[in-house]
Amino acid sequence: MKSKLKIFNDFSEGILPHEASFLLKENKIRDLEKESILKKVCINAEKFYTSEEFDEAIDKRKYAYIKKWICNKLEQADVDAHLEYLSQTEKQIFTDTISPQQEQELLSLISTYNNTSFYFQKFYELVKEFQDYLLIRFRYQDCEQTDLFLKENKEYYLNAVAVKEQLFYATKDLTHEYTSGTLITKHWEEKLLSYLYSDVLDGKNKYNAFIRLVFLYFNYKEYEKATKIFDYMDSCFAEGKMYAKRVLFNYYANRVILHSNLDDLDKAEYYAHLSLKQENSDKLFYLNNLIAILLKKEKNKQALDVMTSNYELFKRSNNHHQKLGFATHYVRTLIRNKRVKIAQSFAENFLFNNKQFVFEHRWRHFFSNYLMLLTTLEKHEEVLKSVKKYNLLEREEEAMMREDFIPKIHWYFHLAMYMNGFISEDKLKLELINSAGSSNGFNKKGMADLNLFIERLSFTLPELFLQVKSQLNATVGKAR
C-alpha cells in the first residue's frame, strides 16, 4: 500500500546524521506533534538499514511545516548556498544590475559578518568591489561602512590569503608523497594543526587544513591522531559550522578510509553508504571506497552488483586516478566471483586503452590484481611477459623499503619463474622470503595483511606457501 507520506519519507531519507544533530540543537518547536516528527526524522538519519515509520494520523500540514523548517535551517547554515549568493551579488555589482533592496541586504550583512565565516576571503573581496561601486557613485556615507569593514578585517584577510598559499605548498608535498611513497611531509603537521584549531581563521582554510592533515596522518598510518581531528570536525558540524552537503559527503568518504584502516569495517561501510546519498562529481571516488569495504567484508556478490550498476559512470569519468581504482576493484571482484574470463578481457582492454595513465597513480594495485588473475588462469608465461614489458620489478623495488610493504609483484614473478621451470622450489622459497624481508618491518596489521595475501596465493603451491608463511611469521615475531 502506497504511503500517504511518500514525499515526506523521500525527503526525510536525504537528511544526514550531522544535519540531524544540528537540527536538534536548533529545535525550539513547542508543538508536540511537530516536535515528534522532527525527532523521528533525526532518529532515522542516524540509521541506514532500518527506520521508524511516521504517524499518518498527524495532520499533513504539520509535515509540510517541518519540511519547510528543516530546509530553512539548513539553507541558513549552508556555506555553499552562501557562496552562490556571493557569486550572484558579485555579478550584479560587475554588471551594474544590483537593486537598492539587494544593496541594503549586502550593507546589513557587512555590519554583522565574521572573519571566521567559511567564505570570508570571498566576502572581503566582494566588499572591496562594492566599495569601488559606491565610490564612483559618490555614495560616501555607505562607503564609510565598507571602509570600516575592510580596515578592521584587513589583517584577517591577509592572514587567510597567506594560509591559503601555505596550504597549496602543503598539498604539493602531500600529493607527491602519496604517488612517490617517500615520506617527506611530517614537518607540515604542526602548522596544519595550528590552522585547524585557529579561532580567527576562515572556515574554508580550516577545513582544507583538516583534509591535508587527514592525508598526512593516513600516509604515516597515525590513525589515533586522525581520529582526534575527525572528532573535532564532528563537533563543528553539530554546531552548524563549515556545513554543506558537499562538505559532509567529502568528510564521510574520509571517515570510510579511517575506519577501514582501524579495521572497524561496520562503521566504514556505514559511512561509505552515507557518502553515496548525493550525485556529484566525486561519486566514483565514493563508490571505490564502498567497494573496497565490501571486498574486505567478503561481500563479493554485493560488490559486483554495485560495480555492474555503476559501470557506465566508470566509462564516462575523466578522472584517471579513480578510473584506475574502479578497474582494479573490478578485476579483483570478478576473480572473487569466479568470472575470470570476463576479468581477463576487461583487464587487457583497460590496460591497452589506458596504458598512458596507469603509472600515474597506484599502479601496483592494478598490476598485482592483474598478475593474480593471470596466475589464477595458470598463464604463468604471461605473468613473466607483463612484468618484463612494463619493468614492474624495477618499479616495485623503489618502494621495497617501506614499512608493511608486501612485494606482491616480486612474488608473482618468482612463482611464475618456478612454474615455467626456470628456478627450483628451494630457490622460489628463498626469493619469496628474502623479498618480504626487504621491507622495513611489519606491524601487527601489516603482518595480518601479509598472511591474508599468502593465503590467497597458496592455492598454487599449498605446502610451499604454508612453509613460507610459518617462517615469515616466526622471523617477524622475533623482530617485533
Protein backbone atom coordinates (compact mmCIF):
# COMPACT_ATOMS: atom_id res chain seq x y z
CA MET A 1 0.00 0.00 0.00
CA LYS A 2 1.37 3.39 -1.01
CA SER A 3 2.18 5.65 1.94
CA LYS A 4 0.33 8.94 2.18
CA LEU A 5 3.63 10.48 3.27
CA LYS A 6 5.81 9.26 0.39
CA ILE A 7 7.09 12.74 -0.48
CA PHE A 8 7.99 13.44 3.14
CA ASN A 9 9.55 9.98 3.55
CA ASP A 10 11.75 10.57 0.49
CA PHE A 11 12.74 13.97 1.87
CA SER A 12 13.48 12.52 5.30
CA GLU A 13 15.79 9.85 3.84
CA GLY A 14 18.06 12.59 2.50
CA ILE A 15 18.81 14.02 5.94
CA LEU A 16 22.36 13.23 7.10
CA PRO A 17 23.43 12.42 10.68
CA HIS A 18 25.30 15.69 11.25
CA GLU A 19 22.39 17.64 9.82
CA ALA A 20 20.17 15.87 12.35
CA SER A 21 22.47 16.85 15.24
CA PHE A 22 22.39 20.48 14.13
CA LEU A 23 18.60 20.47 13.69
CA LEU A 24 18.05 19.08 17.18
CA LYS A 25 20.30 21.79 18.59
CA GLU A 26 18.26 24.45 16.78
CA ASN A 27 14.93 22.95 17.84
CA LYS A 28 12.66 25.40 19.65
CA ILE A 29 9.41 23.89 18.38
CA ARG A 30 6.73 23.70 21.06
CA ASP A 31 4.02 21.81 19.19
CA LEU A 32 4.34 18.23 20.45
CA GLU A 33 3.30 16.57 17.18
CA LYS A 34 5.64 18.74 15.08
CA GLU A 35 8.45 18.05 17.52
CA SER A 36 7.75 14.30 17.36
CA ILE A 37 8.03 14.43 13.56
CA LEU A 38 11.36 16.28 13.75
CA LYS A 39 12.80 13.89 16.31
CA LYS A 40 11.78 10.88 14.21
CA VAL A 41 13.47 12.43 11.16
CA CYS A 42 16.65 12.84 13.20
CA ILE A 43 16.49 9.32 14.65
CA ASN A 44 16.12 7.85 11.16
CA ALA A 45 19.04 9.93 9.90
CA GLU A 46 21.34 8.01 12.24
CA LYS A 47 20.23 4.65 10.85
CA PHE A 48 20.85 3.09 7.46
CA TYR A 49 19.04 -0.21 7.07
CA THR A 50 16.07 0.44 9.41
CA SER A 51 13.79 3.40 10.10
CA GLU A 52 10.83 4.32 12.27
CA GLU A 53 7.54 4.95 10.47
CA PHE A 54 5.83 8.34 10.63
CA ASP A 55 2.35 8.66 12.08
CA GLU A 56 -0.07 9.13 9.18
CA ALA A 57 -2.78 10.30 11.60
CA ILE A 58 -0.92 13.57 12.19
CA ASP A 59 -2.16 16.50 10.06
CA LYS A 60 -0.14 16.56 6.81
CA ARG A 61 0.23 20.34 7.17
CA LYS A 62 2.48 19.69 10.16
CA TYR A 63 4.71 17.52 7.98
CA ALA A 64 4.82 20.35 5.43
CA TYR A 65 5.77 22.77 8.22
CA ILE A 66 8.63 20.55 9.43
CA LYS A 67 9.92 20.07 5.91
CA LYS A 68 9.98 23.84 5.34
CA TRP A 69 11.53 24.43 8.77
CA ILE A 70 14.32 21.91 8.09
CA CYS A 71 15.04 23.37 4.64
CA ASN A 72 15.24 26.91 6.04
CA LYS A 73 17.55 25.94 8.89
CA LEU A 74 19.92 24.01 6.65
CA GLU A 75 19.94 26.71 3.98
CA GLN A 76 20.86 29.36 6.57
CA ALA A 77 23.83 27.26 7.67
CA ASP A 78 24.82 26.06 4.18
CA VAL A 79 28.16 27.62 3.19
CA ASP A 80 27.69 26.66 -0.46
CA ALA A 81 24.32 28.43 -0.57
CA HIS A 82 26.13 31.48 0.80
CA LEU A 83 28.79 31.14 -1.91
CA GLU A 84 26.05 31.15 -4.52
CA TYR A 85 24.71 34.38 -3.02
CA LEU A 86 28.20 35.95 -3.05
CA SER A 87 28.80 34.95 -6.67
CA GLN A 88 25.42 36.26 -7.80
CA THR A 89 25.91 39.56 -5.93
CA GLU A 90 29.39 39.97 -7.40
CA LYS A 91 27.96 39.50 -10.88
CA GLN A 92 25.27 42.12 -10.19
CA ILE A 93 27.90 44.61 -8.99
CA PHE A 94 30.09 43.99 -12.05
CA THR A 95 27.14 44.39 -14.43
CA ASP A 96 25.50 47.33 -12.57
CA THR A 97 22.31 45.36 -12.04
CA ILE A 98 22.24 45.25 -8.23
CA SER A 99 18.93 46.59 -6.91
CA PRO A 100 18.52 49.05 -3.97
CA GLN A 101 17.00 46.26 -1.90
CA GLN A 102 19.98 43.97 -2.63
CA GLU A 103 22.35 46.81 -1.73
CA GLN A 104 20.70 47.20 1.66
CA GLU A 105 20.86 43.44 2.20
CA LEU A 106 24.59 43.48 1.50
CA LEU A 107 25.19 46.51 3.75
CA SER A 108 23.30 44.79 6.53
CA LEU A 109 25.42 41.65 6.08
CA ILE A 110 28.63 43.69 6.20
CA SER A 111 27.72 45.02 9.65
CA THR A 112 27.48 41.50 11.12
CA TYR A 113 29.93 39.45 9.03
CA ASN A 114 32.53 37.41 10.89
CA ASN A 115 36.11 36.78 9.76
CA THR A 116 35.75 33.09 10.70
CA SER A 117 32.92 32.54 8.20
CA PHE A 118 33.63 29.85 5.63
CA TYR A 119 33.91 32.15 2.58
CA PHE A 120 35.34 35.16 4.42
CA GLN A 121 38.04 35.70 1.77
CA LYS A 122 35.44 35.79 -0.98
CA PHE A 123 33.23 38.16 1.03
CA TYR A 124 36.14 40.52 1.78
CA GLU A 125 36.94 40.75 -1.94
CA LEU A 126 33.26 41.33 -2.70
CA VAL A 127 33.16 44.24 -0.23
CA LYS A 128 36.19 45.78 -1.99
CA GLU A 129 34.34 45.59 -5.30
CA PHE A 130 31.21 47.01 -3.68
CA GLN A 131 33.18 49.93 -2.24
CA ASP A 132 34.52 50.74 -5.68
CA TYR A 133 30.95 50.58 -6.99
CA LEU A 134 29.81 53.03 -4.27
CA LEU A 135 32.72 55.44 -4.65
CA ILE A 136 32.19 56.02 -8.36
CA ARG A 137 28.60 56.98 -7.48
CA PHE A 138 29.67 59.42 -4.70
CA ARG A 139 27.88 57.42 -2.02
CA TYR A 140 30.31 58.37 0.73
CA GLN A 141 28.04 57.51 3.66
CA ASP A 142 27.75 53.88 2.58
CA CYS A 143 31.46 53.87 1.83
CA GLU A 144 32.16 54.61 5.50
CA GLN A 145 30.63 51.26 6.38
CA THR A 146 32.52 49.30 3.71
CA ASP A 147 35.77 51.12 4.52
CA LEU A 148 35.42 50.34 8.22
CA PHE A 149 34.86 46.64 7.46
CA LEU A 150 37.88 46.48 5.14
CA LYS A 151 40.17 48.19 7.66
CA GLU A 152 39.02 46.11 10.65
CA ASN A 153 39.39 42.84 8.75
CA LYS A 154 42.45 43.55 6.62
CA GLU A 155 44.81 41.65 8.93
CA TYR A 156 42.48 38.63 8.99
CA TYR A 157 42.16 38.72 5.21
CA LEU A 158 45.91 38.92 4.58
CA ASN A 159 46.45 36.07 7.02
CA ALA A 160 43.79 33.99 5.26
CA VAL A 161 45.46 34.60 1.88
CA ALA A 162 48.87 33.64 3.31
CA VAL A 163 47.43 30.44 4.84
CA LYS A 164 45.79 29.56 1.54
CA GLU A 165 49.20 29.81 -0.16
CA GLN A 166 50.82 27.64 2.53
CA LEU A 167 48.09 25.04 2.05
CA PHE A 168 48.89 24.99 -1.67
CA TYR A 169 52.53 24.12 -0.94
CA ALA A 170 51.46 21.52 1.62
CA THR A 171 49.16 19.96 -0.97
CA LYS A 172 52.00 19.71 -3.50
CA ASP A 173 54.19 17.91 -0.95
CA LEU A 174 51.41 15.59 0.21
CA THR A 175 50.34 14.53 -3.27
CA HIS A 176 53.96 13.95 -4.26
CA GLU A 177 54.41 11.84 -1.14
CA TYR A 178 51.29 9.83 -1.99
CA THR A 179 52.45 8.98 -5.51
CA SER A 180 56.16 8.52 -4.77
CA GLY A 181 55.85 6.67 -1.47
CA THR A 182 58.60 8.88 0.02
CA LEU A 183 57.65 10.30 3.41
CA ILE A 184 58.60 13.98 3.37
CA THR A 185 55.68 15.88 4.89
CA LYS A 186 55.86 15.41 8.66
CA HIS A 187 57.12 18.97 9.06
CA TRP A 188 53.70 20.24 7.94
CA GLU A 189 51.86 18.70 10.90
CA GLU A 190 52.33 21.48 13.46
CA LYS A 191 51.44 24.25 11.03
CA LEU A 192 48.35 22.44 9.74
CA LEU A 193 47.16 21.79 13.30
CA SER A 194 47.51 25.49 14.11
CA TYR A 195 45.32 26.31 11.11
CA LEU A 196 42.70 23.72 12.03
CA TYR A 197 42.32 24.85 15.65
CA SER A 198 42.65 28.58 14.95
CA ASP A 199 39.88 30.77 16.43
CA VAL A 200 40.43 33.58 13.91
CA LEU A 201 40.86 31.75 10.59
CA ASP A 202 38.14 31.45 7.95
CA GLY A 203 36.25 28.14 7.74
CA LYS A 204 37.42 27.23 4.24
CA ASN A 205 41.08 27.31 5.24
CA LYS A 206 40.29 25.40 8.44
CA TYR A 207 38.51 22.64 6.54
CA ASN A 208 41.26 22.47 3.91
CA ALA A 209 43.82 22.15 6.72
CA PHE A 210 41.75 19.27 8.10
CA ILE A 211 41.76 17.46 4.75
CA ARG A 212 45.52 17.83 4.42
CA LEU A 213 46.07 16.61 7.96
CA VAL A 214 43.95 13.57 7.15
CA PHE A 215 46.15 12.97 4.11
CA LEU A 216 49.30 13.32 6.24
CA TYR A 217 48.09 11.03 9.05
CA PHE A 218 46.91 8.39 6.59
CA ASN A 219 50.28 8.47 4.82
CA TYR A 220 52.06 7.97 8.15
CA LYS A 221 49.43 5.50 9.42
CA GLU A 222 48.84 7.64 12.51
CA TYR A 223 45.18 6.77 12.86
CA GLU A 224 44.81 7.78 16.52
CA LYS A 225 45.86 11.31 15.63
CA ALA A 226 43.48 11.23 12.68
CA THR A 227 40.64 10.17 14.97
CA LYS A 228 41.17 13.25 17.16
CA ILE A 229 40.77 15.70 14.29
CA PHE A 230 37.74 13.80 12.97
CA ASP A 231 36.16 14.15 16.42
CA TYR A 232 36.89 17.88 16.32
CA MET A 233 35.15 18.19 12.96
CA ASP A 234 32.20 16.22 14.34
CA SER A 235 31.71 18.90 16.99
CA CYS A 236 31.96 21.67 14.37
CA PHE A 237 29.33 20.08 12.13
CA ALA A 238 26.98 19.54 15.08
CA GLU A 239 27.19 23.31 15.69
CA GLY A 240 26.37 24.03 12.06
CA LYS A 241 29.89 25.27 11.30
CA MET A 242 31.54 24.63 7.92
CA TYR A 243 28.34 22.89 6.86
CA ALA A 244 27.35 21.98 3.32
CA LYS A 245 26.14 18.65 1.98
CA ARG A 246 29.16 18.61 -0.31
CA VAL A 247 31.49 19.04 2.68
CA LEU A 248 29.72 16.32 4.64
CA PHE A 249 29.94 13.83 1.78
CA ASN A 250 33.65 14.51 1.47
CA TYR A 251 34.00 14.11 5.24
CA TYR A 252 32.10 10.78 5.20
CA ALA A 253 34.34 9.49 2.41
CA ASN A 254 37.40 10.19 4.53
CA ARG A 255 35.71 8.57 7.52
CA VAL A 256 35.43 5.41 5.42
CA ILE A 257 39.20 5.29 4.98
CA LEU A 258 39.81 5.99 8.67
CA HIS A 259 37.55 3.21 9.94
CA SER A 260 38.81 0.82 7.29
CA ASN A 261 42.37 1.32 8.48
CA LEU A 262 41.20 0.85 12.06
CA ASP A 263 39.54 -2.44 10.96
CA ASP A 264 36.15 -1.12 12.07
CA LEU A 265 34.51 -2.32 8.87
CA ASP A 266 30.90 -1.90 10.00
CA LYS A 267 31.42 1.82 10.59
CA ALA A 268 33.40 2.07 7.35
CA GLU A 269 30.52 0.55 5.40
CA TYR A 270 28.03 2.83 7.19
CA TYR A 271 29.92 5.98 6.16
CA ALA A 272 30.51 4.63 2.66
CA HIS A 273 26.76 4.32 2.12
CA LEU A 274 26.22 7.81 3.57
CA SER A 275 28.75 9.33 1.16
CA LEU A 276 26.75 7.98 -1.79
CA LYS A 277 23.49 9.69 -0.86
CA GLN A 278 24.13 12.50 -3.34
CA GLU A 279 25.04 12.53 -7.01
CA ASN A 280 28.15 14.62 -7.61
CA SER A 281 31.45 14.63 -9.48
CA ASP A 282 33.16 12.64 -6.71
CA LYS A 283 30.75 9.70 -6.86
CA LEU A 284 33.29 7.35 -8.45
CA PHE A 285 35.66 8.07 -5.56
CA TYR A 286 32.91 7.30 -3.04
CA LEU A 287 31.97 4.14 -4.95
CA ASN A 288 35.56 2.92 -4.85
CA ASN A 289 35.59 3.38 -1.08
CA LEU A 290 32.38 1.37 -0.66
CA ILE A 291 33.58 -1.43 -2.94
CA ALA A 292 36.88 -1.70 -1.05
CA ILE A 293 34.96 -2.17 2.21
CA LEU A 294 32.56 -4.72 0.72
CA LEU A 295 35.52 -6.74 -0.54
CA LYS A 296 37.19 -6.56 2.87
CA LYS A 297 33.98 -7.91 4.40
CA GLU A 298 33.88 -10.68 1.76
CA LYS A 299 30.59 -9.29 0.40
CA ASN A 300 31.78 -10.22 -3.08
CA LYS A 301 28.40 -10.61 -4.78
CA GLN A 302 27.18 -7.28 -3.41
CA ALA A 303 30.39 -5.60 -4.57
CA LEU A 304 29.90 -6.98 -8.08
CA ASP A 305 26.29 -5.78 -8.16
CA VAL A 306 27.36 -2.27 -7.13
CA MET A 307 30.07 -2.15 -9.80
CA THR A 308 27.81 -3.52 -12.53
CA SER A 309 25.12 -0.94 -11.81
CA ASN A 310 27.70 1.88 -11.92
CA TYR A 311 29.76 0.68 -14.87
CA GLU A 312 28.54 3.49 -17.14
CA LEU A 313 29.70 6.06 -14.58
CA PHE A 314 33.15 4.47 -14.71
CA LYS A 315 33.22 4.66 -18.51
CA ARG A 316 32.17 8.34 -18.56
CA SER A 317 34.64 9.54 -15.94
CA ASN A 318 37.67 11.64 -16.88
CA ASN A 319 39.33 11.09 -13.51
CA HIS A 320 42.08 8.60 -14.39
CA HIS A 321 43.01 8.08 -10.74
CA GLN A 322 39.51 6.96 -9.78
CA LYS A 323 39.06 5.02 -13.04
CA LEU A 324 42.17 3.02 -12.20
CA GLY A 325 40.79 2.38 -8.72
CA PHE A 326 37.49 1.15 -10.14
CA ALA A 327 39.24 -1.04 -12.72
CA THR A 328 41.45 -2.57 -10.03
CA HIS A 329 38.45 -3.36 -7.83
CA TYR A 330 36.55 -4.72 -10.83
CA VAL A 331 39.29 -7.21 -11.69
CA ARG A 332 39.50 -8.32 -8.05
CA THR A 333 35.72 -8.58 -7.73
CA LEU A 334 35.35 -10.63 -10.91
CA ILE A 335 38.05 -13.03 -9.67
CA ARG A 336 36.27 -13.39 -6.33
CA ASN A 337 33.01 -14.16 -8.16
CA LYS A 338 34.70 -16.81 -10.37
CA ARG A 339 34.32 -14.76 -13.57
CA VAL A 340 37.96 -14.92 -14.55
CA LYS A 341 37.48 -14.92 -18.33
CA ILE A 342 35.49 -11.68 -18.14
CA ALA A 343 38.14 -10.29 -15.78
CA GLN A 344 40.92 -11.12 -18.26
CA SER A 345 39.12 -9.48 -21.17
CA PHE A 346 38.35 -6.37 -19.13
CA ALA A 347 41.87 -6.03 -17.69
CA GLU A 348 43.59 -6.39 -21.05
CA ASN A 349 41.26 -3.90 -22.73
CA PHE A 350 41.65 -1.42 -19.89
CA LEU A 351 45.43 -1.72 -19.96
CA PHE A 352 45.53 -1.27 -23.74
CA ASN A 353 43.27 1.80 -23.69
CA ASN A 354 44.77 3.45 -20.61
CA LYS A 355 48.44 2.48 -20.57
CA GLN A 356 49.49 6.15 -20.67
CA PHE A 357 47.67 6.78 -17.37
CA VAL A 358 48.18 3.52 -15.46
CA PHE A 359 51.55 4.52 -13.99
CA GLU A 360 50.41 7.98 -12.82
CA HIS A 361 48.80 6.65 -9.63
CA ARG A 362 48.73 3.45 -7.54
CA TRP A 363 49.76 1.27 -10.47
CA ARG A 364 50.88 -1.55 -8.14
CA HIS A 365 47.29 -2.19 -7.06
CA PHE A 366 46.16 -2.68 -10.64
CA PHE A 367 49.07 -4.88 -11.68
CA SER A 368 49.06 -7.01 -8.53
CA ASN A 369 45.42 -7.87 -9.25
CA TYR A 370 46.11 -8.39 -12.95
CA LEU A 371 49.00 -10.75 -12.13
CA MET A 372 46.80 -12.60 -9.64
CA LEU A 373 44.29 -13.03 -12.45
CA LEU A 374 46.92 -14.46 -14.80
CA THR A 375 48.17 -16.72 -12.02
CA THR A 376 44.63 -17.96 -11.35
CA LEU A 377 44.29 -18.73 -15.07
CA GLU A 378 47.68 -20.54 -14.90
CA LYS A 379 49.07 -18.18 -17.55
CA HIS A 380 52.47 -18.03 -15.92
CA GLU A 381 54.29 -17.16 -19.12
CA GLU A 382 52.02 -14.11 -19.48
CA VAL A 383 52.99 -13.07 -15.96
CA LEU A 384 56.67 -13.03 -16.95
CA LYS A 385 55.94 -11.13 -20.18
CA SER A 386 53.91 -8.46 -18.39
CA VAL A 387 56.47 -7.99 -15.62
CA LYS A 388 59.28 -7.55 -18.13
CA LYS A 389 57.28 -5.46 -20.61
CA TYR A 390 56.36 -2.84 -18.01
CA ASN A 391 59.56 -3.06 -15.89
CA LEU A 392 57.42 -3.92 -12.88
CA LEU A 393 60.22 -5.38 -10.74
CA GLU A 394 62.30 -2.23 -11.09
CA ARG A 395 59.28 -0.04 -10.37
CA GLU A 396 58.37 -2.04 -7.27
CA GLU A 397 61.91 -2.01 -5.91
CA GLU A 398 61.62 1.77 -5.46
CA ALA A 399 59.15 1.14 -2.63
CA MET A 400 60.59 -2.06 -1.18
CA MET A 401 61.98 -0.44 1.99
CA ARG A 402 58.63 0.94 3.16
CA GLU A 403 57.09 -0.39 6.36
CA ASP A 404 54.47 -3.12 5.90
CA PHE A 405 55.37 -3.39 2.22
CA ILE A 406 54.26 -6.64 0.57
CA PRO A 407 56.27 -7.25 -2.62
CA LYS A 408 53.38 -8.82 -4.48
CA ILE A 409 54.81 -8.33 -7.97
CA HIS A 410 58.09 -9.97 -6.97
CA TRP A 411 56.14 -12.91 -5.58
CA TYR A 412 54.05 -13.36 -8.72
CA PHE A 413 57.19 -13.11 -10.83
CA HIS A 414 59.20 -15.68 -8.86
CA LEU A 415 56.20 -18.03 -8.71
CA ALA A 416 55.87 -17.76 -12.50
CA MET A 417 59.59 -18.41 -12.88
CA TYR A 418 59.17 -21.64 -10.89
CA MET A 419 56.03 -22.69 -12.75
CA ASN A 420 57.83 -22.21 -16.05
CA GLY A 421 60.78 -24.34 -14.86
CA PHE A 422 63.37 -21.56 -14.62
CA ILE A 423 64.09 -21.90 -10.89
CA SER A 424 63.88 -24.69 -8.30
CA GLU A 425 61.41 -24.92 -5.43
CA ASP A 426 64.17 -24.11 -2.92
CA LYS A 427 65.14 -21.05 -4.95
CA LEU A 428 61.49 -19.94 -5.10
CA LYS A 429 61.10 -20.26 -1.34
CA LEU A 430 64.30 -18.29 -0.77
CA GLU A 431 63.25 -15.48 -3.16
CA LEU A 432 59.82 -15.14 -1.51
CA ILE A 433 61.25 -14.91 2.00
CA ASN A 434 64.09 -12.56 1.02
CA SER A 435 61.85 -10.17 -0.91
CA ALA A 436 59.41 -9.96 2.02
CA GLY A 437 62.36 -9.39 4.33
CA SER A 438 63.37 -6.33 2.30
CA SER A 439 60.51 -4.41 3.88
CA ASN A 440 61.22 -2.02 6.73
CA GLY A 441 59.33 -4.36 9.04
CA PHE A 442 55.71 -5.36 9.63
CA ASN A 443 53.46 -4.23 12.44
CA LYS A 444 50.53 -6.36 13.63
CA LYS A 445 48.15 -5.16 10.91
CA GLY A 446 50.85 -5.38 8.23
CA MET A 447 51.56 -8.97 9.21
CA ALA A 448 47.86 -9.79 9.05
CA ASP A 449 47.72 -8.35 5.52
CA LEU A 450 50.78 -10.39 4.51
CA ASN A 451 49.22 -13.59 5.88
CA LEU A 452 45.99 -12.87 4.01
CA PHE A 453 47.94 -12.40 0.76
CA ILE A 454 49.81 -15.67 1.32
CA GLU A 455 46.52 -17.49 1.92
CA ARG A 456 45.02 -16.11 -1.29
CA LEU A 457 48.07 -17.22 -3.28
CA SER A 458 48.53 -20.60 -1.61
CA PHE A 459 46.13 -22.36 -4.00
CA THR A 460 49.07 -22.65 -6.39
CA LEU A 461 51.50 -24.48 -4.06
CA PRO A 462 49.77 -25.11 -0.71
CA GLU A 463 52.64 -26.88 1.05
CA LEU A 464 55.32 -24.40 0.00
CA PHE A 465 53.28 -21.33 0.97
CA LEU A 466 52.48 -22.89 4.33
CA GLN A 467 56.22 -23.18 4.98
CA VAL A 468 56.85 -19.61 3.79
CA LYS A 469 54.07 -18.28 6.00
CA SER A 470 55.38 -20.16 9.03
CA GLN A 471 58.94 -18.96 8.54
CA LEU A 472 57.96 -15.31 7.91
CA ASN A 473 55.69 -15.23 10.96
CA ALA A 474 58.47 -16.67 13.11
CA THR A 475 61.02 -14.17 11.78
CA VAL A 476 58.73 -11.14 12.10
CA GLY A 477 57.54 -12.32 15.52
CA LYS A 478 61.09 -12.26 16.84
CA ALA A 479 61.75 -8.86 15.20
CA ARG A 480 58.66 -7.32 16.87
